Protein backbone atom coordinates (compact mmCIF):
# COMPACT_ATOMS: atom_id res chain seq x y z
CA MET A 1 0.04 0.01 0.04
CA LYS A 2 2.88 2.47 0.95
CA LYS A 3 4.58 1.64 -2.47
CA LEU A 4 1.36 2.37 -4.37
CA LEU A 5 0.87 5.66 -2.64
CA PHE A 6 4.57 6.57 -3.12
CA CYS A 7 4.29 5.73 -6.86
CA SER A 8 1.04 7.75 -7.21
CA LEU A 9 2.77 10.81 -5.54
CA CYS A 10 5.74 10.44 -7.78
CA VAL A 11 3.62 10.46 -11.03
CA MET A 12 1.60 13.53 -9.69
CA ALA A 13 4.77 15.31 -9.10
CA LEU A 14 6.04 14.58 -12.59
CA LEU A 15 2.84 15.81 -14.06
CA VAL A 16 2.83 19.01 -12.12
CA ALA A 17 6.45 19.69 -12.89
CA GLY A 18 5.78 19.15 -16.67
CA CYS A 19 2.86 21.51 -16.68
CA ALA A 20 4.65 24.08 -14.69
CA ASN A 21 7.21 24.56 -17.69
CA ARG A 22 4.37 25.23 -20.22
CA GLU A 23 1.98 28.07 -20.04
CA ILE A 24 -1.48 26.86 -21.32
CA GLY A 25 -2.96 29.36 -23.72
CA ALA A 26 0.23 31.33 -24.26
CA MET A 27 0.16 32.32 -27.84
CA LYS A 28 3.29 31.66 -29.88
CA PHE A 29 3.71 34.89 -31.82
CA PRO A 30 6.18 35.11 -34.77
CA ALA A 31 9.08 37.32 -34.19
CA GLY A 32 8.03 40.88 -34.30
CA LYS A 33 4.34 40.32 -33.93
CA VAL A 34 2.15 41.42 -30.97
CA GLN A 35 -1.27 40.58 -32.12
CA HIS A 36 -3.23 37.51 -33.61
CA ALA A 37 -6.24 38.81 -35.39
CA VAL A 38 -8.99 36.98 -37.48
CA ARG A 39 -11.36 39.10 -39.50
CA ALA A 40 -14.85 37.82 -39.91
CA THR A 41 -14.78 38.57 -43.61
CA GLU A 42 -11.55 36.44 -44.21
CA ILE A 43 -12.58 33.29 -42.24
CA LYS A 44 -11.88 30.25 -44.25
CA TRP A 45 -14.54 27.56 -43.82
CA ARG A 46 -13.86 23.96 -44.29
CA PRO A 47 -16.05 20.83 -43.95
CA CYS A 48 -16.22 19.46 -40.41
CA PRO A 49 -14.42 16.21 -39.65
CA LYS A 50 -16.35 13.08 -40.70
CA SER A 51 -16.76 12.12 -37.00
CA LEU A 52 -19.31 15.04 -36.73
CA PRO A 53 -22.79 15.20 -38.27
CA ALA A 54 -22.99 16.39 -41.94
CA GLY A 55 -24.08 19.85 -42.66
CA CYS A 56 -21.50 21.78 -40.79
CA ARG A 57 -18.37 23.71 -41.58
CA ILE A 58 -15.43 24.70 -39.34
CA SER A 59 -12.71 27.36 -38.96
CA VAL A 60 -10.00 27.23 -36.46
CA LEU A 61 -9.35 30.66 -35.14
CA GLU A 62 -6.57 29.96 -32.70
CA GLY A 63 -4.65 26.89 -31.63
CA HIS A 64 -5.29 23.42 -32.60
CA PRO A 65 -8.23 21.38 -31.20
CA LYS A 66 -6.43 18.21 -31.27
CA LYS A 67 -3.34 19.56 -29.42
CA PRO A 68 -3.10 19.93 -25.53
CA ASP A 69 -3.47 23.58 -25.38
CA LEU A 70 -6.09 26.42 -25.59
CA PHE A 71 -8.04 26.57 -28.89
CA THR A 72 -10.89 28.56 -30.40
CA ILE A 73 -13.07 27.24 -33.31
CA ARG A 74 -16.21 28.14 -34.95
CA PHE A 75 -18.88 26.00 -36.48
CA LYS A 76 -21.12 27.25 -39.29
CA ILE A 77 -24.35 25.24 -39.65
CA ASP A 78 -26.61 26.06 -42.71
CA LYS A 79 -29.24 23.29 -42.10
CA ASP A 80 -30.74 21.30 -39.37
CA LEU A 81 -28.23 19.42 -37.40
CA PHE A 82 -28.63 16.90 -34.50
CA MET A 83 -25.46 16.10 -32.46
CA ARG A 84 -26.57 12.89 -30.77
CA PRO A 85 -25.64 12.17 -27.04
CA HIS A 86 -22.05 12.64 -26.29
CA THR A 87 -19.37 13.85 -23.86
CA HIS A 88 -16.10 15.88 -23.99
CA PRO A 89 -13.12 15.13 -21.71
CA ARG A 90 -12.78 18.86 -20.68
CA ASP A 91 -15.36 21.77 -20.14
CA GLU A 92 -16.80 23.12 -23.44
CA ARG A 93 -17.23 26.89 -23.69
CA VAL A 94 -19.81 27.89 -26.20
CA THR A 95 -20.88 31.33 -27.60
CA ILE A 96 -23.68 31.64 -30.06
CA LEU A 97 -22.86 34.27 -32.66
CA SER A 98 -25.94 33.99 -34.76
CA GLY A 99 -28.81 31.63 -34.85
CA LYS A 100 -29.82 29.15 -32.17
CA ALA A 101 -28.74 26.02 -30.36
CA ALA A 102 -30.67 23.89 -28.05
CA VAL A 103 -28.95 21.71 -25.40
CA ALA A 104 -30.46 18.70 -23.31
CA PHE A 105 -28.48 16.65 -20.78
CA GLY A 106 -28.63 12.89 -20.25
CA LYS A 107 -28.54 9.72 -22.60
CA ASN A 108 -32.14 9.81 -23.22
CA ALA A 109 -32.84 13.58 -23.31
CA ASP A 110 -35.18 14.78 -26.11
CA ARG A 111 -35.75 18.03 -27.82
CA SER A 112 -38.50 19.10 -25.44
CA GLN A 113 -36.01 19.11 -22.55
CA ALA A 114 -33.46 21.35 -24.29
CA LYS A 115 -32.63 24.87 -23.28
CA GLU A 116 -32.34 27.20 -26.16
CA PHE A 117 -29.52 29.74 -26.64
CA GLY A 118 -29.48 32.65 -29.16
CA PRO A 119 -26.99 35.30 -30.42
CA GLY A 120 -24.76 36.61 -27.72
CA ASP A 121 -25.66 33.64 -25.19
CA TYR A 122 -22.79 31.87 -23.68
CA TYR A 123 -22.76 28.57 -21.80
CA VAL A 124 -20.28 25.96 -20.43
CA ASN A 125 -20.96 22.19 -20.50
CA ALA A 126 -19.16 20.32 -17.81
CA ARG A 127 -16.46 17.71 -18.71
CA ASN A 128 -18.04 14.27 -19.17
CA ALA A 129 -21.77 15.58 -19.08
CA VAL A 130 -23.69 13.61 -21.61
CA HIS A 131 -25.62 16.17 -23.84
CA SER A 132 -27.28 16.42 -27.16
CA VAL A 133 -27.51 19.49 -29.32
CA TRP A 134 -30.09 20.61 -31.78
CA ILE A 135 -29.62 23.30 -34.52
CA GLU A 136 -32.70 24.03 -36.58
CA GLU A 137 -31.61 27.29 -38.44
CA ASN A 138 -28.58 28.90 -39.73
CA THR A 139 -26.15 29.10 -36.96
CA ILE A 140 -22.66 30.10 -36.22
CA LEU A 141 -21.27 29.07 -32.71
CA GLN A 142 -17.97 29.44 -31.28
CA ILE A 143 -16.06 27.06 -28.86
CA THR A 144 -13.21 27.69 -26.74
CA GLY A 145 -11.56 24.93 -24.65
CA ILE A 146 -8.41 23.03 -23.82
CA GLY A 147 -7.50 20.24 -26.28
CA PRO A 148 -7.27 17.74 -27.30
CA TRP A 149 -11.03 18.26 -28.07
CA GLN A 150 -12.95 15.02 -28.51
CA ALA A 151 -16.61 14.02 -28.72
CA LYS A 152 -17.24 10.61 -27.44
CA PHE A 153 -20.70 9.45 -28.55
CA ILE A 154 -23.03 7.58 -26.27
CA LYS A 155 -25.50 4.93 -27.27
CA LYS A 156 -28.97 5.69 -25.95
CA ALA A 157 -30.49 3.44 -23.29
CA LYS A 158 -33.13 1.06 -24.65
């Protein structure tokens, strides 16, 4: 038991020491640059990864969602989209820029249980919280988080 506790403490100390050398969210500016800016009119949209429902496009504004650091991405949805029950390993911070999104929690949650969010609204989904998302009109939303960002899909209970 003492060995297990000692090993656990050693692993935790190594993790803390490794994180202390790296500042999460610190922008890596090229030499001579002091600002990173993304103009709305210059955003380049590309299709969402195949792991996400069809009907959305994505733009990475900062960082990389698959790397262990801060990232900001935007999703543009031009038609109805249902994101079936899923979780994320870290908190998910969402701002609705235009349109609407509805979010409900639980494996078997349905649309009638969802809270709606509109332009300017902001919410945080807790890590590992099972949730579903409904988008029923043209919508642009922005997500900021700590990567690597993942969506783990959950099977509904029968």
